């Protein structure tokens, strides 16, 4: 069973570590995270996952929240 809060937190850490070390030239689609090792990879196209990997779409890693303030 996957603890979704931990899974999302781990996926965010992988994504932000990737950002810190690489230039992103295209939009990622998500993160593949190995449940056994905690290691993961940022995906830019759909890939075949290993049996121990789970995929989390990018929209759950960095949710788009649009809080527009009305003109003040």
Protein backbone atom coordinates (compact mmCIF):
# COMPACT_ATOMS: atom_id res chain seq x y z
CA UNK A 1 0.00 0.00 0.00
CA UNK A 2 1.22 3.50 -0.83
CA UNK A 3 1.03 6.35 1.68
CA UNK A 4 -0.01 9.15 -0.67
CA UNK A 5 1.32 11.99 1.50
CA UNK A 6 4.77 10.40 1.69
CA UNK A 7 4.64 9.51 -2.00
CA UNK A 8 3.85 13.10 -3.03
CA UNK A 9 6.50 14.50 -0.66
CA UNK A 10 9.15 12.13 -2.07
CA UNK A 11 8.16 12.93 -5.66
CA UNK A 12 8.44 16.67 -4.94
CA UNK A 13 11.91 16.18 -3.43
CA UNK A 14 13.04 14.28 -6.52
CA UNK A 15 11.64 16.97 -8.81
CA UNK A 16 13.24 19.86 -6.88
CA UNK A 17 16.60 18.08 -6.73
CA UNK A 18 16.35 17.62 -10.49
CA UNK A 19 15.58 21.32 -10.91
CA UNK A 20 18.56 22.30 -8.77
CA UNK A 21 20.95 20.29 -10.93
CA UNK A 22 19.51 20.47 -14.44
CA UNK A 23 18.09 22.95 -16.88
CA UNK A 24 14.57 22.04 -17.89
CA UNK A 25 13.93 22.64 -21.57
CA UNK A 26 10.56 20.89 -21.78
CA UNK A 27 7.67 20.25 -19.43
CA UNK A 28 7.86 17.10 -17.29
CA UNK A 29 4.85 14.79 -17.20
CA UNK A 30 5.63 13.41 -13.77
CA UNK A 31 7.93 11.40 -11.55
CA UNK A 32 8.49 7.65 -11.39
CA UNK A 33 9.32 6.60 -7.84
CA UNK A 34 10.69 3.23 -6.77
CA UNK A 35 8.77 2.05 -3.69
CA UNK A 36 11.65 -0.11 -2.45
CA UNK A 37 14.57 2.28 -2.76
CA UNK A 38 12.89 5.70 -2.66
CA UNK A 39 14.86 6.69 -5.75
CA UNK A 40 13.07 8.28 -8.63
CA UNK A 41 13.32 9.97 -11.98
CA UNK A 42 11.64 12.91 -13.65
CA UNK A 43 9.83 11.83 -16.81
CA UNK A 44 9.34 13.99 -19.88
CA UNK A 45 7.55 11.30 -21.90
CA UNK A 46 5.68 8.16 -20.98
CA UNK A 47 7.95 5.25 -20.15
CA UNK A 48 7.62 1.65 -19.09
CA UNK A 49 7.85 1.48 -15.33
CA UNK A 50 9.70 -1.17 -13.40
CA UNK A 51 7.49 -3.47 -11.29
CA UNK A 52 8.45 -1.60 -8.11
CA UNK A 53 7.89 1.89 -9.56
CA UNK A 54 4.83 4.09 -9.24
CA UNK A 55 4.07 7.12 -11.41
CA UNK A 56 2.81 10.46 -10.14
CA UNK A 57 1.55 13.01 -12.65
CA UNK A 58 3.17 16.43 -12.53
CA UNK A 59 -0.15 18.13 -11.72
CA UNK A 60 -0.07 16.43 -8.29
CA UNK A 61 3.55 17.38 -7.63
CA UNK A 62 3.07 21.07 -8.35
CA UNK A 63 -0.66 21.72 -8.37
CA UNK A 64 -1.76 24.77 -10.31
CA UNK A 65 -3.60 27.02 -7.95
CA UNK A 66 -4.92 30.22 -9.38
CA UNK A 67 -5.97 32.60 -6.67
CA UNK A 68 -6.88 35.77 -8.48
CA UNK A 69 -7.73 38.75 -6.43
CA UNK A 70 -10.47 40.96 -7.68
CA UNK A 71 -9.32 44.47 -8.54
CA UNK A 72 -8.74 46.46 -5.37
